[in-house]
């Protein structure tokens, strides 16, 4: 459901019902791992576009050093994209996406296939990123380093809920809410049973 949500935001999939509206000033960048890469370009050419330096948020970074932070160092930068493994292609997609100057950035499990340095580089970028970022990740510590809220997809009600705070705060808040709802359900079930018992007593006495 989470990846499908991002794909609907980008228009790659359509919802079964309802509408999704994207503002005219919104520039989306999605690290879509199905996006076409040029198989004849080298890793360095695909990520850097041939530039020696790249604009990364507020910083200007050395393009070769930037490629290295995504675990493409030395001779690996001269590999042709067409011979890369799936994991390597994912890293190229992510590295390119971060340099596209979007004001809404969509990332789906971005730490997959990244080494420690690459995760640190990505985390620092997101901390400094002043615009909007939607991230899907199972790494709570990574999320907590830069997020200000959590979107919760409720599997039972099929609704999207928004919470403020980090991942652990939200998990605790949802846990307490569910416990409260379960307690209320138990109370209601008890009341229903009592009403049914009363109804049965009256019925046995000839009442309506």
C-alpha atoms as a PDB file:
ATOM      1  CA  UNK A   1       0.000   0.000   0.000  1.00  0.00           C
ATOM      2  CA  UNK A   2       2.809   2.449   0.800  1.00  0.00           C
ATOM      3  CA  UNK A   3       4.592   2.149  -2.532  1.00  0.00           C
ATOM      4  CA  UNK A   4       1.248   2.228  -4.341  1.00  0.00           C
ATOM      5  CA  UNK A   5       0.479   5.515  -2.578  1.00  0.00           C
ATOM      6  CA  UNK A   6       3.699   7.086  -3.886  1.00  0.00           C
ATOM      7  CA  UNK A   7       3.017   5.787  -7.382  1.00  0.00           C
ATOM      8  CA  UNK A   8      -0.467   7.327  -7.287  1.00  0.00           C
ATOM      9  CA  UNK A   9       0.990  10.667  -6.177  1.00  0.00           C
ATOM     10  CA  UNK A  10       3.287  10.618  -9.212  1.00  0.00           C
ATOM     11  CA  UNK A  11       0.489   9.534 -11.539  1.00  0.00           C
ATOM     12  CA  UNK A  12       2.040   6.140 -12.316  1.00  0.00           C
ATOM     13  CA  UNK A  13      -1.063   4.459 -10.888  1.00  0.00           C
ATOM     14  CA  UNK A  14      -4.637   5.674 -10.502  1.00  0.00           C
ATOM     15  CA  UNK A  15      -6.838   5.204  -7.421  1.00  0.00           C
ATOM     16  CA  UNK A  16      -9.887   2.956  -7.588  1.00  0.00           C
ATOM     17  CA  UNK A  17     -11.943   5.818  -6.163  1.00  0.00           C
ATOM     18  CA  UNK A  18     -11.418   9.437  -5.166  1.00  0.00           C
ATOM     19  CA  UNK A  19      -8.968  11.896  -6.679  1.00  0.00           C
ATOM     20  CA  UNK A  20      -5.395  13.007  -6.079  1.00  0.00           C
ATOM     21  CA  UNK A  21      -4.637  16.674  -6.696  1.00  0.00           C
ATOM     22  CA  UNK A  22      -1.093  17.985  -7.091  1.00  0.00           C
ATOM     23  CA  UNK A  23      -0.528  21.752  -6.901  1.00  0.00           C
ATOM     24  CA  UNK A  24       0.850  23.552  -9.945  1.00  0.00           C
ATOM     25  CA  UNK A  25       3.932  24.702  -8.020  1.00  0.00           C
ATOM     26  CA  UNK A  26       4.819  21.181  -6.886  1.00  0.00           C
ATOM     27  CA  UNK A  27       7.872  19.631  -8.517  1.00  0.00           C
ATOM     28  CA  UNK A  28       8.048  15.959  -7.633  1.00  0.00           C
ATOM     29  CA  UNK A  29      11.142  13.777  -7.679  1.00  0.00           C
ATOM     30  CA  UNK A  30      10.606  10.063  -7.133  1.00  0.00           C
ATOM     31  CA  UNK A  31      13.464   7.583  -6.786  1.00  0.00           C
ATOM     32  CA  UNK A  32      11.546   5.225  -9.031  1.00  0.00           C
ATOM     33  CA  UNK A  33      13.610   2.105  -9.565  1.00  0.00           C
ATOM     34  CA  UNK A  34      11.738   1.394 -12.805  1.00  0.00           C
ATOM     35  CA  UNK A  35      12.858   4.675 -14.373  1.00  0.00           C
ATOM     36  CA  UNK A  36      14.924   4.231 -17.527  1.00  0.00           C
ATOM     37  CA  UNK A  37      18.666   4.740 -17.271  1.00  0.00           C
ATOM     38  CA  UNK A  38      20.986   5.062 -20.268  1.00  0.00           C
ATOM     39  CA  UNK A  39      22.784   1.696 -20.477  1.00  0.00           C
ATOM     40  CA  UNK A  40      25.647   3.216 -22.496  1.00  0.00           C
ATOM     41  CA  UNK A  41      26.531   5.899 -19.956  1.00  0.00           C
ATOM     42  CA  UNK A  42      28.980   5.320 -17.149  1.00  0.00           C
ATOM     43  CA  UNK A  43      27.809   5.521 -13.544  1.00  0.00           C
ATOM     44  CA  UNK A  44      29.616   8.861 -13.197  1.00  0.00           C
ATOM     45  CA  UNK A  45      28.007  10.300 -16.339  1.00  0.00           C
ATOM     46  CA  UNK A  46      24.517   9.139 -15.338  1.00  0.00           C
ATOM     47  CA  UNK A  47      24.709  10.584 -11.813  1.00  0.00           C
ATOM     48  CA  UNK A  48      26.673  13.778 -12.489  1.00  0.00           C
ATOM     49  CA  UNK A  49      25.454  14.630 -15.967  1.00  0.00           C
ATOM     50  CA  UNK A  50      29.098  15.332 -16.745  1.00  0.00           C
ATOM     51  CA  UNK A  51      29.472  18.122 -14.147  1.00  0.00           C
ATOM     52  CA  UNK A  52      32.444  18.237 -11.772  1.00  0.00           C
ATOM     53  CA  UNK A  53      30.345  19.667  -8.949  1.00  0.00           C
ATOM     54  CA  UNK A  54      26.704  19.123  -7.996  1.00  0.00           C
ATOM     55  CA  UNK A  55      24.206  21.283  -6.109  1.00  0.00           C
ATOM     56  CA  UNK A  56      22.931  19.282  -3.173  1.00  0.00           C
ATOM     57  CA  UNK A  57      20.525  21.356  -1.139  1.00  0.00           C
ATOM     58  CA  UNK A  58      22.597  24.248   0.221  1.00  0.00           C
ATOM     59  CA  UNK A  59      25.884  22.554  -0.560  1.00  0.00           C
ATOM     60  CA  UNK A  60      28.038  22.193  -3.634  1.00  0.00           C
ATOM     61  CA  UNK A  61      29.685  18.782  -3.627  1.00  0.00           C
ATOM     62  CA  UNK A  62      32.407  17.159  -5.686  1.00  0.00           C
ATOM     63  CA  UNK A  63      30.691  14.855  -8.169  1.00  0.00           C
ATOM     64  CA  UNK A  64      33.220  12.035  -7.845  1.00  0.00           C
ATOM     65  CA  UNK A  65      33.075  12.191  -4.057  1.00  0.00           C
ATOM     66  CA  UNK A  66      29.299  12.206  -4.258  1.00  0.00           C
ATOM     67  CA  UNK A  67      29.332   9.049  -6.402  1.00  0.00           C
ATOM     68  CA  UNK A  68      31.714   7.439  -3.910  1.00  0.00           C
ATOM     69  CA  UNK A  69      29.280   8.091  -1.058  1.00  0.00           C
ATOM     70  CA  UNK A  70      26.812   5.840  -2.879  1.00  0.00           C
ATOM     71  CA  UNK A  71      29.443   3.110  -2.954  1.00  0.00           C
ATOM     72  CA  UNK A  72      30.673   3.868  -6.466  1.00  0.00           C
ATOM     73  CA  UNK A  73      34.355   4.518  -5.918  1.00  0.00           C
ATOM     74  CA  UNK A  74      37.281   4.490  -8.328  1.00  0.00           C
ATOM     75  CA  UNK A  75      36.829   2.144 -11.276  1.00  0.00           C
ATOM     76  CA  UNK A  76      33.177   1.501 -10.332  1.00  0.00           C
ATOM     77  CA  UNK A  77      32.332   5.013 -11.533  1.00  0.00           C
ATOM     78  CA  UNK A  78      33.417   3.987 -15.031  1.00  0.00           C
ATOM     79  CA  UNK A  79      31.122   0.957 -15.169  1.00  0.00           C
ATOM     80  CA  UNK A  80      28.511   1.086 -17.886  1.00  0.00           C
ATOM     81  CA  UNK A  81      25.004   1.372 -16.435  1.00  0.00           C
ATOM     82  CA  UNK A  82      23.869  -1.510 -18.614  1.00  0.00           C
ATOM     83  CA  UNK A  83      26.010  -4.027 -16.685  1.00  0.00           C
ATOM     84  CA  UNK A  84      24.951  -2.949 -13.188  1.00  0.00           C
ATOM     85  CA  UNK A  85      23.111  -5.240 -10.808  1.00  0.00           C
ATOM     86  CA  UNK A  86      19.645  -4.355  -9.528  1.00  0.00           C
ATOM     87  CA  UNK A  87      21.036  -3.037  -6.243  1.00  0.00           C
ATOM     88  CA  UNK A  88      23.608  -0.890  -8.040  1.00  0.00           C
ATOM     89  CA  UNK A  89      20.954   0.569 -10.323  1.00  0.00           C
ATOM     90  CA  UNK A  90      18.858   1.445  -7.255  1.00  0.00           C
ATOM     91  CA  UNK A  91      21.783   3.440  -5.881  1.00  0.00           C
ATOM     92  CA  UNK A  92      22.154   5.304  -9.173  1.00  0.00           C
ATOM     93  CA  UNK A  93      18.432   6.169  -9.148  1.00  0.00           C
ATOM     94  CA  UNK A  94      18.662   7.531  -5.610  1.00  0.00           C
ATOM     95  CA  UNK A  95      21.824   9.533  -6.269  1.00  0.00           C
ATOM     96  CA  UNK A  96      20.230  11.155  -9.337  1.00  0.00           C
ATOM     97  CA  UNK A  97      16.955  11.909  -7.580  1.00  0.00           C
ATOM     98  CA  UNK A  98      18.645  13.886  -4.804  1.00  0.00           C
ATOM     99  CA  UNK A  99      20.189  16.284  -7.332  1.00  0.00           C
ATOM    100  CA  UNK A 100      17.010  17.085  -9.287  1.00  0.00           C
ATOM    101  CA  UNK A 101      16.007  20.174  -7.300  1.00  0.00           C
ATOM    102  CA  UNK A 102      12.488  19.018  -6.452  1.00  0.00           C
ATOM    103  CA  UNK A 103      10.360  20.706  -3.789  1.00  0.00           C
ATOM    104  CA  UNK A 104       8.630  17.414  -2.935  1.00  0.00           C
ATOM    105  CA  UNK A 105      10.921  14.412  -2.704  1.00  0.00           C
ATOM    106  CA  UNK A 106       9.486  10.867  -2.636  1.00  0.00           C
ATOM    107  CA  UNK A 107      11.758   8.090  -1.356  1.00  0.00           C
ATOM    108  CA  UNK A 108      10.821   4.415  -1.105  1.00  0.00           C
ATOM    109  CA  UNK A 109      13.177   2.417   1.174  1.00  0.00           C
ATOM    110  CA  UNK A 110      16.114   4.682   0.199  1.00  0.00           C
ATOM    111  CA  UNK A 111      18.659   3.023   2.512  1.00  0.00           C
ATOM    112  CA  UNK A 112      18.421  -0.319   0.719  1.00  0.00           C
ATOM    113  CA  UNK A 113      21.797  -1.233  -0.821  1.00  0.00           C
ATOM    114  CA  UNK A 114      23.585   1.752   0.781  1.00  0.00           C
ATOM    115  CA  UNK A 115      26.645   1.366   2.982  1.00  0.00           C
ATOM    116  CA  UNK A 116      27.131   3.291   6.232  1.00  0.00           C
ATOM    117  CA  UNK A 117      28.699   6.294   4.482  1.00  0.00           C
ATOM    118  CA  UNK A 118      25.930   6.425   1.918  1.00  0.00           C
ATOM    119  CA  UNK A 119      23.246   6.350   4.643  1.00  0.00           C
ATOM    120  CA  UNK A 120      25.069   9.094   6.562  1.00  0.00           C
ATOM    121  CA  UNK A 121      25.278  11.213   3.396  1.00  0.00           C
ATOM    122  CA  UNK A 122      21.585  10.704   2.664  1.00  0.00           C
ATOM    123  CA  UNK A 123      20.604  11.451   6.280  1.00  0.00           C
ATOM    124  CA  UNK A 124      22.571  14.708   6.320  1.00  0.00           C
ATOM    125  CA  UNK A 125      21.005  15.750   3.028  1.00  0.00           C
ATOM    126  CA  UNK A 126      17.506  15.140   4.392  1.00  0.00           C
ATOM    127  CA  UNK A 127      18.267  17.000   7.643  1.00  0.00           C
ATOM    128  CA  UNK A 128      19.281  20.058   5.594  1.00  0.00           C
ATOM    129  CA  UNK A 129      16.499  19.650   3.025  1.00  0.00           C
ATOM    130  CA  UNK A 130      14.140  22.596   3.602  1.00  0.00           C
ATOM    131  CA  UNK A 131      11.316  21.360   1.416  1.00  0.00           C
ATOM    132  CA  UNK A 132       8.929  18.404   1.667  1.00  0.00           C
ATOM    133  CA  UNK A 133      10.041  14.802   1.749  1.00  0.00           C
ATOM    134  CA  UNK A 134       7.865  11.676   2.000  1.00  0.00           C
ATOM    135  CA  UNK A 135       9.864   8.612   2.991  1.00  0.00           C
ATOM    136  CA  UNK A 136       8.904   4.956   3.230  1.00  0.00           C
ATOM    137  CA  UNK A 137      11.345   3.044   5.420  1.00  0.00           C
ATOM    138  CA  UNK A 138      11.532   0.229   7.955  1.00  0.00           C
ATOM    139  CA  UNK A 139      14.582   1.853   9.592  1.00  0.00           C
ATOM    140  CA  UNK A 140      13.119   3.785  12.531  1.00  0.00           C
ATOM    141  CA  UNK A 141      16.421   5.368  13.588  1.00  0.00           C
ATOM    142  CA  UNK A 142      16.980   6.655  10.056  1.00  0.00           C
ATOM    143  CA  UNK A 143      13.477   8.151   9.980  1.00  0.00           C
ATOM    144  CA  UNK A 144      13.851   9.773  13.388  1.00  0.00           C
ATOM    145  CA  UNK A 145      16.975  11.637  12.278  1.00  0.00           C
ATOM    146  CA  UNK A 146      15.038  14.040  10.062  1.00  0.00           C
ATOM    147  CA  UNK A 147      11.238  13.535  10.155  1.00  0.00           C
ATOM    148  CA  UNK A 148       8.658  15.725  11.849  1.00  0.00           C
ATOM    149  CA  UNK A 149       5.655  13.455  11.484  1.00  0.00           C
ATOM    150  CA  UNK A 150       4.294  10.106  10.366  1.00  0.00           C
ATOM    151  CA  UNK A 151       1.513   9.099   7.971  1.00  0.00           C
ATOM    152  CA  UNK A 152      -0.278   5.985   9.212  1.00  0.00           C
ATOM    153  CA  UNK A 153      -2.245   3.765   6.842  1.00  0.00           C
ATOM    154  CA  UNK A 154      -4.969   2.078   8.889  1.00  0.00           C
ATOM    155  CA  UNK A 155      -5.481  -1.427   7.490  1.00  0.00           C
ATOM    156  CA  UNK A 156      -8.957  -1.718   9.063  1.00  0.00           C
ATOM    157  CA  UNK A 157     -10.535   1.620   8.142  1.00  0.00           C
ATOM    158  CA  UNK A 158      -8.509   2.158   4.939  1.00  0.00           C
ATOM    159  CA  UNK A 159      -7.845   5.739   6.008  1.00  0.00           C
ATOM    160  CA  UNK A 160      -4.665   7.812   6.113  1.00  0.00           C
ATOM    161  CA  UNK A 161      -3.906   9.419   9.492  1.00  0.00           C
ATOM    162  CA  UNK A 162      -1.307  12.094  10.203  1.00  0.00           C
ATOM    163  CA  UNK A 163       0.683  12.267  13.441  1.00  0.00           C
ATOM    164  CA  UNK A 164       3.275  14.723  14.748  1.00  0.00           C
ATOM    165  CA  UNK A 165       6.481  13.489  16.351  1.00  0.00           C
ATOM    166  CA  UNK A 166       9.045  10.821  15.589  1.00  0.00           C
ATOM    167  CA  UNK A 167       8.365   7.183  14.774  1.00  0.00           C
ATOM    168  CA  UNK A 168       8.575   5.898  18.342  1.00  0.00           C
ATOM    169  CA  UNK A 169       6.251   8.655  19.630  1.00  0.00           C
ATOM    170  CA  UNK A 170       3.701   7.797  16.951  1.00  0.00           C
ATOM    171  CA  UNK A 171       3.873   4.043  17.556  1.00  0.00           C
ATOM    172  CA  UNK A 172       3.209   4.648  21.268  1.00  0.00           C
ATOM    173  CA  UNK A 173       0.345   7.048  20.487  1.00  0.00           C
ATOM    174  CA  UNK A 174      -1.277   4.576  18.076  1.00  0.00           C
ATOM    175  CA  UNK A 175      -0.800   1.757  20.582  1.00  0.00           C
ATOM    176  CA  UNK A 176      -2.580   3.750  23.300  1.00  0.00           C
ATOM    177  CA  UNK A 177      -5.391   4.677  20.908  1.00  0.00           C
ATOM    178  CA  UNK A 178      -5.914   1.051  19.865  1.00  0.00           C
ATOM    179  CA  UNK A 179      -5.921  -0.078  23.504  1.00  0.00           C
ATOM    180  CA  UNK A 180      -8.526   2.589  24.277  1.00  0.00           C
ATOM    181  CA  UNK A 181     -10.663   1.505  21.322  1.00  0.00           C
ATOM    182  CA  UNK A 182     -10.392  -2.151  22.340  1.00  0.00           C
ATOM    183  CA  UNK A 183     -11.402  -1.265  25.888  1.00  0.00           C
ATOM    184  CA  UNK A 184     -14.398   0.649  24.559  1.00  0.00           C
ATOM    185  CA  UNK A 185     -15.331  -2.306  22.328  1.00  0.00           C
ATOM    186  CA  UNK A 186     -15.219  -4.653  25.328  1.00  0.00           C
ATOM    187  CA  UNK A 187     -17.494  -2.257  27.256  1.00  0.00           C
ATOM    188  CA  UNK A 188     -19.945  -2.066  24.356  1.00  0.00           C
ATOM    189  CA  UNK A 189     -19.984  -5.845  23.921  1.00  0.00           C
ATOM    190  CA  UNK A 190     -20.720  -6.219  27.642  1.00  0.00           C
ATOM    191  CA  UNK A 191     -23.587  -3.711  27.363  1.00  0.00           C
ATOM    192  CA  UNK A 192     -24.995  -5.501  24.307  1.00  0.00           C
ATOM    193  CA  UNK A 193     -24.887  -8.846  26.121  1.00  0.00           C
ATOM    194  CA  UNK A 194     -26.643  -7.361  29.153  1.00  0.00           C
ATOM    195  CA  UNK A 195     -29.389  -5.900  26.904  1.00  0.00           C
ATOM    196  CA  UNK A 196     -29.818  -9.232  25.143  1.00  0.00           C
ATOM    197  CA  UNK A 197     -30.047 -11.039  28.495  1.00  0.00           C
ATOM    198  CA  UNK A 198     -32.709  -8.572  29.653  1.00  0.00           C
ATOM    199  CA  UNK A 199     -34.615  -9.023  26.384  1.00  0.00           C
ATOM    200  CA  UNK A 200     -34.531 -12.809  26.806  1.00  0.00           C
ATOM    201  CA  UNK A 201     -35.841 -12.538  30.374  1.00  0.00           C
ATOM    202  CA  UNK A 202     -38.775 -10.373  29.216  1.00  0.00           C
ATOM    203  CA  UNK A 203     -39.431 -12.695  26.252  1.00  0.00           C
ATOM    204  CA  UNK A 204     -39.616 -15.727  28.535  1.00  0.00           C
ATOM    205  CA  UNK A 205     -42.174 -13.871  30.644  1.00  0.00           C
ATOM    206  CA  UNK A 206     -44.320 -13.168  27.611  1.00  0.00           C
ATOM    207  CA  UNK A 207     -43.115  -9.621  27.069  1.00  0.00           C
ATOM    208  CA  UNK A 208     -42.406  -8.009  23.732  1.00  0.00           C
END
